[in-house]
Amino acid sequence: MVNILKPFNCAVKIANLSRNDHYVNAKSLMALMSLGIKNGHEVSVIFDGEDAQRALQQLSIEIENGLGE
């Protein structure tokens, strides 16, 4: 996920709603790992900035394809 989002010129924040976590920088591997997201967890992702729409579209495609797993 981090590698997918890094090239885009926008801020991306993510929270693990299943654990009532706070939002962290989705472009940071350490921050993302701190959320402990597992299969079946509900997450919220916020995109803000110049490439926000393109980043959302690309991430959606990658999620549909299993994020490379």
PDB file of N, CA and C in Angstrom:
ATOM      1  N   MET A   1       0.822  -1.184   0.000  1.00  0.00           N
ATOM      2  CA  MET A   1       0.000   0.000   0.000  1.00  0.00           C
ATOM      3  C   MET A   1       0.874   1.259   0.000  1.00  0.00           C
ATOM      4  N   VAL A   2       1.917   1.246   0.797  1.00  0.00           N
ATOM      5  CA  VAL A   2       2.804   2.404   0.877  1.00  0.00           C
ATOM      6  C   VAL A   2       3.421   2.688  -0.487  1.00  0.00           C
ATOM      7  N   ASN A   3       3.916   1.655  -1.152  1.00  0.00           N
ATOM      8  CA  ASN A   3       4.538   1.841  -2.464  1.00  0.00           C
ATOM      9  C   ASN A   3       3.543   2.336  -3.506  1.00  0.00           C
ATOM     10  N   ILE A   4       2.302   1.984  -3.379  1.00  0.00           N
ATOM     11  CA  ILE A   4       1.265   2.439  -4.307  1.00  0.00           C
ATOM     12  C   ILE A   4       1.012   3.928  -4.112  1.00  0.00           C
ATOM     13  N   LEU A   5       0.985   4.380  -2.880  1.00  0.00           N
ATOM     14  CA  LEU A   5       0.598   5.756  -2.568  1.00  0.00           C
ATOM     15  C   LEU A   5       1.737   6.769  -2.637  1.00  0.00           C
ATOM     16  N   LYS A   6       2.959   6.351  -2.403  1.00  0.00           N
ATOM     17  CA  LYS A   6       4.094   7.290  -2.335  1.00  0.00           C
ATOM     18  C   LYS A   6       4.231   8.206  -3.542  1.00  0.00           C
ATOM     19  N   PRO A   7       4.041   7.731  -4.774  1.00  0.00           N
ATOM     20  CA  PRO A   7       4.253   8.617  -5.928  1.00  0.00           C
ATOM     21  C   PRO A   7       3.242   9.760  -6.063  1.00  0.00           C
ATOM     22  N   PHE A   8       2.138   9.689  -5.377  1.00  0.00           N
ATOM     23  CA  PHE A   8       1.085  10.684  -5.553  1.00  0.00           C
ATOM     24  C   PHE A   8       1.324  11.914  -4.682  1.00  0.00           C
ATOM     25  N   ASN A   9       1.018  13.076  -5.254  1.00  0.00           N
ATOM     26  CA  ASN A   9       1.195  14.347  -4.572  1.00  0.00           C
ATOM     27  C   ASN A   9      -0.069  14.684  -3.773  1.00  0.00           C
ATOM     28  N   CYS A  10      -0.258  13.947  -2.687  1.00  0.00           N
ATOM     29  CA  CYS A  10      -1.396  14.178  -1.803  1.00  0.00           C
ATOM     30  C   CYS A  10      -1.106  13.526  -0.456  1.00  0.00           C
ATOM     31  N   ALA A  11      -1.825  13.985   0.549  1.00  0.00           N
ATOM     32  CA  ALA A  11      -1.739  13.358   1.864  1.00  0.00           C
ATOM     33  C   ALA A  11      -2.761  12.231   1.918  1.00  0.00           C
ATOM     34  N   VAL A  12      -2.374  11.120   2.523  1.00  0.00           N
ATOM     35  CA  VAL A  12      -3.297   9.992   2.677  1.00  0.00           C
ATOM     36  C   VAL A  12      -3.214   9.541   4.131  1.00  0.00           C
ATOM     37  N   LYS A  13      -4.362   9.539   4.785  1.00  0.00           N
ATOM     38  CA  LYS A  13      -4.436   9.102   6.181  1.00  0.00           C
ATOM     39  C   LYS A  13      -5.354   7.899   6.269  1.00  0.00           C
ATOM     40  N   ILE A  14      -5.031   6.994   7.190  1.00  0.00           N
ATOM     41  CA  ILE A  14      -5.818   5.774   7.352  1.00  0.00           C
ATOM     42  C   ILE A  14      -6.000   5.480   8.841  1.00  0.00           C
ATOM     43  N   ALA A  15      -7.173   4.932   9.172  1.00  0.00           N
ATOM     44  CA  ALA A  15      -7.466   4.517  10.555  1.00  0.00           C
ATOM     45  C   ALA A  15      -8.093   3.137  10.519  1.00  0.00           C
ATOM     46  N   ASN A  16      -7.791   2.336  11.520  1.00  0.00           N
ATOM     47  CA  ASN A  16      -8.391   1.016  11.676  1.00  0.00           C
ATOM     48  C   ASN A  16      -9.632   1.186  12.556  1.00  0.00           C
ATOM     49  N   LEU A  17     -10.792   1.253  11.943  1.00  0.00           N
ATOM     50  CA  LEU A  17     -12.034   1.478  12.669  1.00  0.00           C
ATOM     51  C   LEU A  17     -12.399   0.291  13.555  1.00  0.00           C
ATOM     52  N   SER A  18     -11.909  -0.881  13.212  1.00  0.00           N
ATOM     53  CA  SER A  18     -12.201  -2.077  14.006  1.00  0.00           C
ATOM     54  C   SER A  18     -11.526  -2.024  15.373  1.00  0.00           C
ATOM     55  N   ARG A  19     -10.504  -1.201  15.501  1.00  0.00           N
ATOM     56  CA  ARG A  19      -9.797  -1.051  16.774  1.00  0.00           C
ATOM     57  C   ARG A  19      -9.938   0.352  17.344  1.00  0.00           C
ATOM     58  N   ASN A  20     -10.782   1.163  16.722  1.00  0.00           N
ATOM     59  CA  ASN A  20     -10.968   2.557  17.153  1.00  0.00           C
ATOM     60  C   ASN A  20      -9.652   3.320  17.208  1.00  0.00           C
ATOM     61  N   ASP A  21      -8.774   3.065  16.242  1.00  0.00           N
ATOM     62  CA  ASP A  21      -7.480   3.743  16.183  1.00  0.00           C
ATOM     63  C   ASP A  21      -7.625   5.140  15.605  1.00  0.00           C
ATOM     64  N   HIS A  22      -6.600   5.936  15.814  1.00  0.00           N
ATOM     65  CA  HIS A  22      -6.519   7.273  15.238  1.00  0.00           C
ATOM     66  C   HIS A  22      -5.964   7.185  13.815  1.00  0.00           C
ATOM     67  N   TYR A  23      -6.052   8.276  13.070  1.00  0.00           N
ATOM     68  CA  TYR A  23      -5.528   8.311  11.704  1.00  0.00           C
ATOM     69  C   TYR A  23      -4.014   8.452  11.727  1.00  0.00           C
ATOM     70  N   VAL A  24      -3.369   7.736  10.803  1.00  0.00           N
ATOM     71  CA  VAL A  24      -1.920   7.823  10.641  1.00  0.00           C
ATOM     72  C   VAL A  24      -1.609   8.040   9.161  1.00  0.00           C
ATOM     73  N   ASN A  25      -0.380   8.397   8.877  1.00  0.00           N
ATOM     74  CA  ASN A  25       0.085   8.617   7.518  1.00  0.00           C
ATOM     75  C   ASN A  25       0.169   7.272   6.781  1.00  0.00           C
ATOM     76  N   ALA A  26      -0.651   7.103   5.750  1.00  0.00           N
ATOM     77  CA  ALA A  26      -0.679   5.842   5.000  1.00  0.00           C
ATOM     78  C   ALA A  26       0.542   5.663   4.105  1.00  0.00           C
ATOM     79  N   LYS A  27       1.369   6.700   3.974  1.00  0.00           N
ATOM     80  CA  LYS A  27       2.586   6.595   3.180  1.00  0.00           C
ATOM     81  C   LYS A  27       3.786   6.181   4.031  1.00  0.00           C
ATOM     82  N   SER A  28       3.558   5.940   5.307  1.00  0.00           N
ATOM     83  CA  SER A  28       4.609   5.520   6.224  1.00  0.00           C
ATOM     84  C   SER A  28       4.391   4.064   6.613  1.00  0.00           C
ATOM     85  N   LEU A  29       5.334   3.206   6.276  1.00  0.00           N
ATOM     86  CA  LEU A  29       5.208   1.782   6.579  1.00  0.00           C
ATOM     87  C   LEU A  29       5.085   1.542   8.084  1.00  0.00           C
ATOM     88  N   MET A  30       5.891   2.219   8.874  1.00  0.00           N
ATOM     89  CA  MET A  30       5.843   2.021  10.325  1.00  0.00           C
ATOM     90  C   MET A  30       4.495   2.462  10.898  1.00  0.00           C
ATOM     91  N   ALA A  31       3.994   3.597  10.431  1.00  0.00           N
ATOM     92  CA  ALA A  31       2.694   4.086  10.913  1.00  0.00           C
ATOM     93  C   ALA A  31       1.590   3.121  10.513  1.00  0.00           C
ATOM     94  N   LEU A  32       1.647   2.648   9.288  1.00  0.00           N
ATOM     95  CA  LEU A  32       0.639   1.716   8.785  1.00  0.00           C
ATOM     96  C   LEU A  32       0.665   0.415   9.587  1.00  0.00           C
ATOM     97  N   MET A  33       1.841  -0.091   9.862  1.00  0.00           N
ATOM     98  CA  MET A  33       1.970  -1.333  10.631  1.00  0.00           C
ATOM     99  C   MET A  33       1.447  -1.169  12.056  1.00  0.00           C
ATOM    100  N   SER A  34       1.553   0.034  12.604  1.00  0.00           N
ATOM    101  CA  SER A  34       1.109   0.270  13.975  1.00  0.00           C
ATOM    102  C   SER A  34      -0.400   0.088  14.138  1.00  0.00           C
ATOM    103  N   LEU A  35      -1.136   0.133  13.029  1.00  0.00           N
ATOM    104  CA  LEU A  35      -2.592  -0.019  13.094  1.00  0.00           C
ATOM    105  C   LEU A  35      -3.026  -1.472  13.251  1.00  0.00           C
ATOM    106  N   GLY A  36      -2.160  -2.415  12.927  1.00  0.00           N
ATOM    107  CA  GLY A  36      -2.503  -3.831  13.081  1.00  0.00           C
ATOM    108  C   GLY A  36      -3.692  -4.263  12.242  1.00  0.00           C
ATOM    109  N   ILE A  37      -3.789  -3.734  11.042  1.00  0.00           N
ATOM    110  CA  ILE A  37      -4.921  -4.064  10.165  1.00  0.00           C
ATOM    111  C   ILE A  37      -4.820  -5.517   9.724  1.00  0.00           C
ATOM    112  N   LYS A  38      -5.909  -6.231   9.903  1.00  0.00           N
ATOM    113  CA  LYS A  38      -5.988  -7.640   9.500  1.00  0.00           C
ATOM    114  C   LYS A  38      -7.173  -7.833   8.564  1.00  0.00           C
ATOM    115  N   ASN A  39      -7.181  -8.941   7.867  1.00  0.00           N
ATOM    116  CA  ASN A  39      -8.277  -9.281   6.974  1.00  0.00           C
ATOM    117  C   ASN A  39      -9.606  -9.201   7.734  1.00  0.00           C
ATOM    118  N   GLY A  40     -10.556  -8.492   7.187  1.00  0.00           N
ATOM    119  CA  GLY A  40     -11.861  -8.361   7.810  1.00  0.00           C
ATOM    120  C   GLY A  40     -12.033  -7.088   8.627  1.00  0.00           C
ATOM    121  N   HIS A  41     -10.939  -6.393   8.932  1.00  0.00           N
ATOM    122  CA  HIS A  41     -11.044  -5.135   9.666  1.00  0.00           C
ATOM    123  C   HIS A  41     -11.631  -4.051   8.765  1.00  0.00           C
ATOM    124  N   GLU A  42     -12.349  -3.138   9.373  1.00  0.00           N
ATOM    125  CA  GLU A  42     -12.903  -1.989   8.660  1.00  0.00           C
ATOM    126  C   GLU A  42     -11.945  -0.819   8.829  1.00  0.00           C
ATOM    127  N   VAL A  43     -11.608  -0.177   7.709  1.00  0.00           N
ATOM    128  CA  VAL A  43     -10.695   0.965   7.749  1.00  0.00           C
ATOM    129  C   VAL A  43     -11.344   2.175   7.104  1.00  0.00           C
ATOM    130  N   SER A  44     -10.808   3.334   7.415  1.00  0.00           N
ATOM    131  CA  SER A  44     -11.216   4.588   6.797  1.00  0.00           C
ATOM    132  C   SER A  44      -9.973   5.225   6.213  1.00  0.00           C
ATOM    133  N   VAL A  45     -10.068   5.709   4.973  1.00  0.00           N
ATOM    134  CA  VAL A  45      -8.928   6.330   4.307  1.00  0.00           C
ATOM    135  C   VAL A  45      -9.356   7.722   3.836  1.00  0.00           C
ATOM    136  N   ILE A  46      -8.525   8.719   4.119  1.00  0.00           N
ATOM    137  CA  ILE A  46      -8.791  10.096   3.716  1.00  0.00           C
ATOM    138  C   ILE A  46      -7.686  10.549   2.776  1.00  0.00           C
ATOM    139  N   PHE A  47      -8.078  11.058   1.618  1.00  0.00           N
ATOM    140  CA  PHE A  47      -7.146  11.577   0.623  1.00  0.00           C
ATOM    141  C   PHE A  47      -7.323  13.084   0.555  1.00  0.00           C
ATOM    142  N   ASP A  48      -6.215  13.835   0.506  1.00  0.00           N
ATOM    143  CA  ASP A  48      -6.303  15.288   0.418  1.00  0.00           C
ATOM    144  C   ASP A  48      -5.115  15.829  -0.362  1.00  0.00           C
ATOM    145  N   GLY A  49      -5.408  16.538  -1.438  1.00  0.00           N
ATOM    146  CA  GLY A  49      -4.331  17.148  -2.204  1.00  0.00           C
ATOM    147  C   GLY A  49      -4.532  17.018  -3.698  1.00  0.00           C
ATOM    148  N   GLU A  50      -3.539  17.457  -4.404  1.00  0.00           N
ATOM    149  CA  GLU A  50      -3.567  17.569  -5.862  1.00  0.00           C
ATOM    150  C   GLU A  50      -3.910  16.256  -6.573  1.00  0.00           C
ATOM    151  N   ASP A  51      -3.298  15.161  -6.167  1.00  0.00           N
ATOM    152  CA  ASP A  51      -3.507  13.860  -6.824  1.00  0.00           C
ATOM    153  C   ASP A  51      -4.480  12.966  -6.069  1.00  0.00           C
ATOM    154  N   ALA A  52      -5.290  13.527  -5.197  1.00  0.00           N
ATOM    155  CA  ALA A  52      -6.151  12.713  -4.333  1.00  0.00           C
ATOM    156  C   ALA A  52      -7.050  11.763  -5.121  1.00  0.00           C
ATOM    157  N   GLN A  53      -7.696  12.259  -6.157  1.00  0.00           N
ATOM    158  CA  GLN A  53      -8.618  11.417  -6.934  1.00  0.00           C
ATOM    159  C   GLN A  53      -7.874  10.286  -7.632  1.00  0.00           C
ATOM    160  N   ARG A  54      -6.728  10.597  -8.206  1.00  0.00           N
ATOM    161  CA  ARG A  54      -5.939   9.557  -8.889  1.00  0.00           C
ATOM    162  C   ARG A  54      -5.412   8.523  -7.900  1.00  0.00           C
ATOM    163  N   ALA A  55      -4.983   8.969  -6.730  1.00  0.00           N
ATOM    164  CA  ALA A  55      -4.491   8.038  -5.709  1.00  0.00           C
ATOM    165  C   ALA A  55      -5.607   7.115  -5.242  1.00  0.00           C
ATOM    166  N   LEU A  56      -6.792   7.668  -5.033  1.00  0.00           N
ATOM    167  CA  LEU A  56      -7.948   6.858  -4.632  1.00  0.00           C
ATOM    168  C   LEU A  56      -8.268   5.816  -5.688  1.00  0.00           C
ATOM    169  N   GLN A  57      -8.268   6.224  -6.954  1.00  0.00           N
ATOM    170  CA  GLN A  57      -8.559   5.284  -8.040  1.00  0.00           C
ATOM    171  C   GLN A  57      -7.522   4.174  -8.105  1.00  0.00           C
ATOM    172  N   GLN A  58      -6.254   4.531  -7.985  1.00  0.00           N
ATOM    173  CA  GLN A  58      -5.192   3.511  -8.061  1.00  0.00           C
ATOM    174  C   GLN A  58      -5.256   2.556  -6.877  1.00  0.00           C
ATOM    175  N   LEU A  59      -5.483   3.086  -5.681  1.00  0.00           N
ATOM    176  CA  LEU A  59      -5.576   2.223  -4.504  1.00  0.00           C
ATOM    177  C   LEU A  59      -6.777   1.294  -4.616  1.00  0.00           C
ATOM    178  N   SER A  60      -7.878   1.786  -5.131  1.00  0.00           N
ATOM    179  CA  SER A  60      -9.075   0.949  -5.317  1.00  0.00           C
ATOM    180  C   SER A  60      -8.787  -0.218  -6.253  1.00  0.00           C
ATOM    181  N   ILE A  61      -8.091   0.066  -7.340  1.00  0.00           N
ATOM    182  CA  ILE A  61      -7.723  -0.983  -8.300  1.00  0.00           C
ATOM    183  C   ILE A  61      -6.834  -2.025  -7.625  1.00  0.00           C
ATOM    184  N   GLU A  62      -5.841  -1.555  -6.890  1.00  0.00           N
ATOM    185  CA  GLU A  62      -4.903  -2.469  -6.225  1.00  0.00           C
ATOM    186  C   GLU A  62      -5.597  -3.313  -5.156  1.00  0.00           C
ATOM    187  N   ILE A  63      -6.537  -2.732  -4.427  1.00  0.00           N
ATOM    188  CA  ILE A  63      -7.279  -3.498  -3.415  1.00  0.00           C
ATOM    189  C   ILE A  63      -8.110  -4.569  -4.087  1.00  0.00           C
ATOM    190  N   GLU A  64      -8.758  -4.231  -5.191  1.00  0.00           N
ATOM    191  CA  GLU A  64      -9.551  -5.225  -5.930  1.00  0.00           C
ATOM    192  C   GLU A  64      -8.685  -6.374  -6.420  1.00  0.00           C
ATOM    193  N   ASN A  65      -7.412  -6.071  -6.702  1.00  0.00           N
ATOM    194  CA  ASN A  65      -6.477  -7.097  -7.174  1.00  0.00           C
ATOM    195  C   ASN A  65      -5.705  -7.756  -6.035  1.00  0.00           C
ATOM    196  N   GLY A  66      -6.093  -7.505  -4.782  1.00  0.00           N
ATOM    197  CA  GLY A  66      -5.482  -8.169  -3.640  1.00  0.00           C
ATOM    198  C   GLY A  66      -4.209  -7.556  -3.119  1.00  0.00           C
ATOM    199  N   LEU A  67      -3.893  -6.331  -3.521  1.00  0.00           N
ATOM    200  CA  LEU A  67      -2.677  -5.635  -3.083  1.00  0.00           C
ATOM    201  C   LEU A  67      -1.413  -6.467  -3.300  1.00  0.00           C
ATOM    202  N   GLY A  68      -1.391  -7.209  -4.385  1.00  0.00           N
ATOM    203  CA  GLY A  68      -0.200  -7.979  -4.732  1.00  0.00           C
ATOM    204  C   GLY A  68      -0.010  -9.262  -3.957  1.00  0.00           C
ATOM    205  N   GLU A  69      -1.011  -9.655  -3.195  1.00  0.00           N
ATOM    206  CA  GLU A  69      -0.880 -10.901  -2.412  1.00  0.00           C
ATOM    207  C   GLU A  69      -1.568 -12.036  -3.096  1.00  0.00           C
TER     208      GLU A  69
END
